[in-house]
Protein backbone atom coordinates (compact mmCIF):
# COMPACT_ATOMS: atom_id res chain seq x y z
CA MET A 1 -18.79 2.34 36.12
CA ARG A 2 -16.09 0.64 37.95
CA MET A 3 -13.50 -1.89 36.71
CA ARG A 4 -15.86 -4.97 37.29
CA GLU A 5 -18.54 -3.54 35.62
CA LEU A 6 -16.24 -2.63 32.56
CA GLU A 7 -14.99 -6.26 32.44
CA LYS A 8 -18.65 -7.58 32.27
CA ALA A 9 -19.53 -5.28 29.90
CA SER A 10 -16.81 -5.50 27.33
CA GLY A 11 -15.65 -9.20 28.20
CA VAL A 12 -12.19 -8.05 28.64
CA GLY A 13 -10.21 -8.89 31.65
CA ARG A 14 -8.80 -6.18 33.82
CA GLU A 15 -5.16 -6.89 33.26
CA THR A 16 -5.52 -6.60 29.42
CA ILE A 17 -7.52 -3.41 30.17
CA ARG A 18 -4.85 -1.79 32.15
CA TYR A 19 -2.26 -2.83 29.64
CA TYR A 20 -4.65 -0.93 26.87
CA ILE A 21 -4.48 2.18 28.95
CA ARG A 22 -0.76 1.80 29.35
CA GLU A 23 -0.13 1.58 25.69
CA GLY A 24 -2.85 4.33 24.81
CA LEU A 25 -5.26 2.19 23.24
CA LEU A 26 -7.58 3.53 25.74
CA PRO A 27 -8.08 6.87 27.36
CA GLU A 28 -7.44 7.22 31.00
CA PRO A 29 -10.57 6.64 33.41
CA ASP A 30 -11.74 9.51 35.73
CA ARG A 31 -10.29 9.29 39.08
CA ALA A 32 -11.82 10.68 42.44
CA SER A 33 -8.62 9.17 44.11
CA ARG A 34 -5.61 7.11 43.59
CA ASN A 35 -7.42 3.86 44.16
CA SER A 36 -10.85 4.91 42.60
CA ALA A 37 -11.22 4.96 38.76
CA SER A 38 -14.73 5.44 36.92
CA TYR A 39 -15.12 4.24 33.04
CA THR A 40 -17.59 5.28 30.62
CA GLY A 41 -19.43 3.85 27.63
CA ALA A 42 -16.78 5.10 25.49
CA HIS A 43 -14.39 2.86 27.22
CA VAL A 44 -16.75 -0.21 26.50
CA THR A 45 -17.31 0.81 23.07
CA ARG A 46 -13.60 1.05 22.18
CA LEU A 47 -12.91 -2.19 24.30
CA ARG A 48 -15.40 -3.83 21.64
CA ALA A 49 -13.92 -2.24 18.75
CA ILE A 50 -10.27 -3.50 19.77
CA LYS A 51 -11.60 -7.21 20.28
CA ARG A 52 -13.48 -7.06 17.45
CA LEU A 53 -10.41 -5.93 14.95
CA GLN A 54 -8.22 -8.69 17.00
CA GLU A 55 -10.54 -11.59 16.76
CA GLU A 56 -12.17 -10.70 13.11
CA ARG A 57 -9.37 -8.94 11.10
CA PHE A 58 -6.58 -10.37 13.21
CA LEU A 59 -4.78 -7.20 13.26
CA PRO A 60 -1.67 -6.12 15.51
CA LEU A 61 -2.25 -3.55 18.50
CA ALA A 62 -0.19 -1.31 16.55
CA VAL A 63 -2.61 -1.05 13.49
CA ILE A 64 -5.68 -1.08 15.82
CA ARG A 65 -4.23 1.97 17.75
CA ALA A 66 -3.62 4.01 14.48
CA LEU A 67 -7.16 3.25 13.14
CA LEU A 68 -8.85 4.06 16.62
CA ASP A 69 -6.74 7.12 16.55
CA ALA A 70 -7.71 8.61 13.17
CA ASP A 71 -10.17 10.80 14.91
CA ASP A 72 -9.68 13.23 11.96
CA GLY A 73 -11.79 11.36 9.71
CA ASP A 74 -11.34 11.80 6.08
CA ARG A 75 -10.85 15.72 6.00
CA TRP A 76 -7.54 14.55 4.43
CA LEU A 77 -9.43 13.30 1.30
CA ALA A 78 -10.60 16.66 0.76
CA PRO A 79 -9.42 17.57 -2.79
CA THR A 80 -9.56 21.39 -2.48
CA ALA A 81 -5.50 21.42 -2.73
CA PHE A 82 -5.30 19.40 -5.95
CA PRO A 83 -8.62 19.35 -7.49
CA MET A 84 -7.65 17.26 -10.58
CA LEU A 85 -5.04 15.00 -8.93
CA ASP A 86 -7.66 12.41 -8.11
CA ALA A 87 -9.07 12.11 -11.96
CA LEU A 88 -5.45 12.38 -13.68
CA LEU A 89 -3.72 9.90 -11.45
CA ALA A 90 -6.41 7.46 -11.69
CA ALA A 91 -6.36 7.52 -15.56
CA ARG A 92 -2.53 6.97 -15.48
CA LEU A 93 -2.99 4.13 -12.85
CA GLU A 94 -5.77 2.41 -14.47
CA ALA A 95 -3.76 1.25 -17.54
CA GLY A 96 -6.92 -0.85 -18.38
CA GLY A 97 -7.25 -2.20 -15.30
CA MET A 98 -10.76 -0.98 -14.66
CA ALA A 99 -12.22 -2.91 -17.79
CA ARG A 100 -14.92 -4.69 -17.23
CA VAL A 101 -15.26 -8.36 -17.74
CA ALA A 102 -17.90 -10.87 -17.23
CA ALA A 103 -17.24 -13.15 -13.63
CA THR A 104 -18.45 -16.37 -15.96
CA ALA A 105 -15.39 -15.76 -18.43
CA VAL A 106 -13.10 -15.36 -15.76
CA ALA A 107 -14.36 -18.41 -14.15
CA ALA A 108 -14.13 -20.15 -17.21
CA GLN A 109 -10.56 -18.89 -17.63
CA LEU A 110 -9.27 -19.72 -14.69
CA GLY A 111 -10.93 -23.35 -14.63
CA ILE A 112 -12.93 -22.51 -11.18
CA ASP A 113 -16.01 -22.80 -9.93
CA ALA A 114 -18.29 -19.43 -9.71
CA SER A 115 -18.91 -20.37 -6.39
CA VAL A 116 -15.32 -19.61 -5.53
CA ILE A 117 -15.67 -16.08 -7.15
CA ALA A 118 -18.82 -15.20 -5.05
CA ASP A 119 -16.93 -16.13 -2.02
CA HIS A 120 -14.52 -13.84 -2.81
CA ALA A 121 -16.79 -11.33 -3.48
CA ALA A 122 -18.65 -11.86 -0.06
CA THR A 123 -15.26 -11.20 1.87
CA GLY A 124 -14.33 -8.00 0.03
CA MET A 125 -11.45 -9.47 -1.90
CA ILE A 126 -12.82 -8.71 -5.42
CA GLY A 127 -15.85 -6.74 -6.31
CA ILE A 128 -18.73 -7.63 -9.03
CA ASP A 129 -21.59 -5.37 -10.22
CA ALA A 130 -25.26 -6.34 -10.67
CA ASP A 131 -24.40 -7.20 -14.26
CA GLY A 132 -22.05 -9.82 -13.15
CA LEU A 133 -18.93 -7.86 -14.27
CA MET A 134 -15.74 -7.50 -12.59
CA SER A 135 -12.83 -5.11 -13.16
CA ALA A 136 -9.59 -6.60 -15.06
CA ARG A 137 -7.58 -5.87 -11.83
CA ASP A 138 -10.14 -7.63 -9.81
CA ALA A 139 -9.72 -10.69 -12.74
CA ALA A 140 -5.97 -10.53 -12.16
CA ILE A 141 -6.25 -10.61 -8.24
CA LEU A 142 -8.48 -13.65 -8.75
CA GLY A 143 -5.84 -15.13 -10.75
CA SER A 144 -3.03 -14.62 -8.31
CA ILE A 145 -5.63 -16.31 -5.75
CA LYS A 146 -5.76 -19.24 -7.89
CA GLU A 147 -2.14 -19.38 -8.81
CA LEU A 148 -1.88 -19.89 -4.63
CA ALA A 149 -4.27 -22.70 -4.72
CA ASP A 150 -2.21 -24.22 -7.43
CA ILE A 151 0.70 -23.81 -5.03
CA GLY A 152 -1.13 -25.60 -2.35
CA PHE A 153 -2.68 -22.76 -0.29
CA THR A 154 -6.12 -24.44 -0.38
CA GLU A 155 -9.13 -24.60 2.00
CA GLN A 156 -8.48 -27.93 2.77
CA LEU A 157 -5.22 -26.73 4.46
CA GLY A 158 -6.90 -24.06 6.37
CA PHE A 159 -6.42 -21.35 3.75
CA THR A 160 -9.81 -19.73 3.62
CA GLY A 161 -10.79 -16.61 1.78
CA LEU A 162 -12.14 -15.37 5.00
CA GLN A 163 -8.61 -15.78 6.79
CA MET A 164 -6.98 -14.22 3.84
CA ARG A 165 -8.96 -11.25 4.23
CA PHE A 166 -6.27 -9.72 6.54
CA TYR A 167 -4.00 -9.02 3.14
CA LEU A 168 -6.94 -6.71 2.27
CA ASP A 169 -7.33 -5.10 5.72
CA PHE A 170 -3.28 -4.34 5.77
CA ILE A 171 -3.60 -2.84 2.07
CA GLU A 172 -6.52 -0.92 2.87
CA TRP A 173 -4.98 0.80 6.41
CA VAL A 174 -1.36 1.31 4.75
CA THR A 175 -3.06 3.00 1.80
CA ALA A 176 -4.83 5.27 3.85
CA GLN A 177 -1.70 6.06 5.73
CA GLU A 178 0.20 6.58 2.61
CA MET A 179 -2.34 8.84 1.06
CA ARG A 180 -2.74 11.05 4.27
CA LEU A 181 1.29 11.13 4.62
CA PHE A 182 1.38 12.24 0.98
CA LEU A 183 -1.36 14.73 0.83
CA GLU A 184 -0.24 16.16 4.27
CA HIS A 185 3.13 16.88 3.03
CA THR A 186 2.66 18.07 -0.47
CA ALA A 187 -0.43 20.35 -0.37
CA GLY A 188 0.94 23.94 -0.49
CA GLN A 189 4.47 22.48 -0.82
CA VAL A 190 4.53 21.40 -4.68
CA GLY A 191 2.46 22.13 -7.80
CA GLU A 192 -0.07 19.83 -8.92
CA ALA A 193 1.93 18.59 -11.71
CA GLN A 194 4.81 17.51 -9.63
CA ALA A 195 2.41 16.00 -6.90
CA LEU A 196 1.05 13.96 -9.83
CA ASP A 197 4.28 12.74 -11.28
CA MET A 198 5.62 11.93 -7.64
CA ALA A 199 2.35 10.02 -7.03
CA GLU A 200 2.68 8.09 -10.03
CA ARG A 201 5.99 7.23 -9.69
CA GLY A 202 5.95 6.58 -6.40
CA VAL A 203 3.38 3.96 -6.81
CA SER A 204 5.82 1.16 -8.40
CA VAL A 205 8.62 2.19 -6.25
CA ILE A 206 6.87 1.71 -3.00
CA ASN A 207 5.65 -1.52 -4.06
CA ASP A 208 8.82 -2.78 -4.49
CA LEU A 209 9.95 -1.48 -1.21
CA LEU A 210 6.78 -3.34 0.41
CA SER A 211 8.16 -6.40 -1.61
CA GLN A 212 11.92 -6.01 -0.44
CA LEU A 213 10.75 -5.18 3.30
CA ARG A 214 8.40 -8.08 3.39
CA THR A 215 11.06 -10.62 2.28
CA ARG A 216 13.40 -9.52 4.26
CA ALA A 217 10.98 -9.45 7.45
CA LEU A 218 10.41 -13.22 6.45
CA LEU A 219 14.10 -14.19 6.50
CA ARG A 220 14.32 -12.34 9.66
CA LYS A 221 11.26 -14.60 11.27
CA LEU A 222 13.05 -17.75 9.62
CA GLY A 223 16.46 -16.78 11.31
CA GLU A 224 14.73 -16.72 14.53
CA ARG A 225 13.12 -20.26 13.91
CA ARG A 226 16.35 -21.81 13.62
CA ARG A 227 18.01 -20.08 16.51
CA VAL A 228 15.23 -21.13 18.57
CA ALA A 229 15.53 -24.77 17.20
CA ASN A 230 19.28 -24.71 17.75
CA ASP A 231 18.83 -23.58 21.51
CA ASN A 232 16.44 -26.31 22.05
CA GLY A 233 18.31 -28.73 20.41
């Protein structure tokens, strides 16, 4: 198909399409000549995926490109290198976080309506099983969300559960990248006991690192706002 047909099929303008090609988000089209390009259904599918990830999940293009380029699937999850790592690391990290508690009890403890819990379960922020139970870790996540609401991050001000979903999307993405990096570089290089120790200790260190990086980025953005205000003042 030609560019005009691709625009119509994908709902994306040609300048944006050309930008995506330059940035590596889209593959180069087949070219019969310098001024003749032919696109395929694969281009339409990828453009629609980019558009959906931007509009529904508010992901930046760098993250979208990493997600779309992960063509190796989940082979990195294969447990052949460290057959006991998953179970042993989960046992160390759970530390009571997976104990099951009743959603109704959590609602009563936090002083929130059951519908609020249902809304967050619908967006994937927490999980509730068929018996109405959730993990203690999910209950703690609800506690953090409730604390944000108490501070003033309420739906009345536009802080909806669906919009906050970008936190979950970010964590899912960055965790997948961390696991891939860790497993690809430790398999065959260190023993399972050392890999287990590295993974367990690394969790809290990386959590602290992410916190520091986020605070630094926030301070940088605030500084940029001040500079813009001063320049326009």
